[in-house]
Amino acid sequence: TVHEKAMKPAHSSDTKSESDTHAPNTWLMEQNPDIFVLQLGSSPKLEGLDPTIKKMRNPDMAHLLSIKANGTQRDILVTGPFETREEAKKAADQARVDLGITAWMRKVSDVRVLLERQ
């Protein structure tokens, strides 16, 4: 997979350590709750998101989160952060051109709620 260490799925029980500074849930929890991320995809298996990550212009901005939705564990791919709705909209428009997908703009606070429901 792309960026295996940085792309490891996050679980709400992860704790921050020197060797784990890229844990996505830690990254998300450190973000301002009022800024935005784009959700680029969701998959029951991490490998299902690899093709999207490989096509991204800036894969260093990719973060994988592991959430439970409708009773099923899923990995979601987000990119960001974006300080304003306008920045996120521009990035979503670019994702449509580059990746052929419609990105879902979400506030960090909304994504945190998903992680906290684990």
Foldseek 3Di string as FASTA:
>chain_A
DPPCLLAPEAAPPDDDDPSNPSRQVNVLVPDDQAWKKWWFDKALDPVVCVVLLVQDPCSVQWYWYWFADPNGIMIIIIGDTGRDPVRNVVVQVVCCVRVVTRIDMDGSNVVVVRNVVD
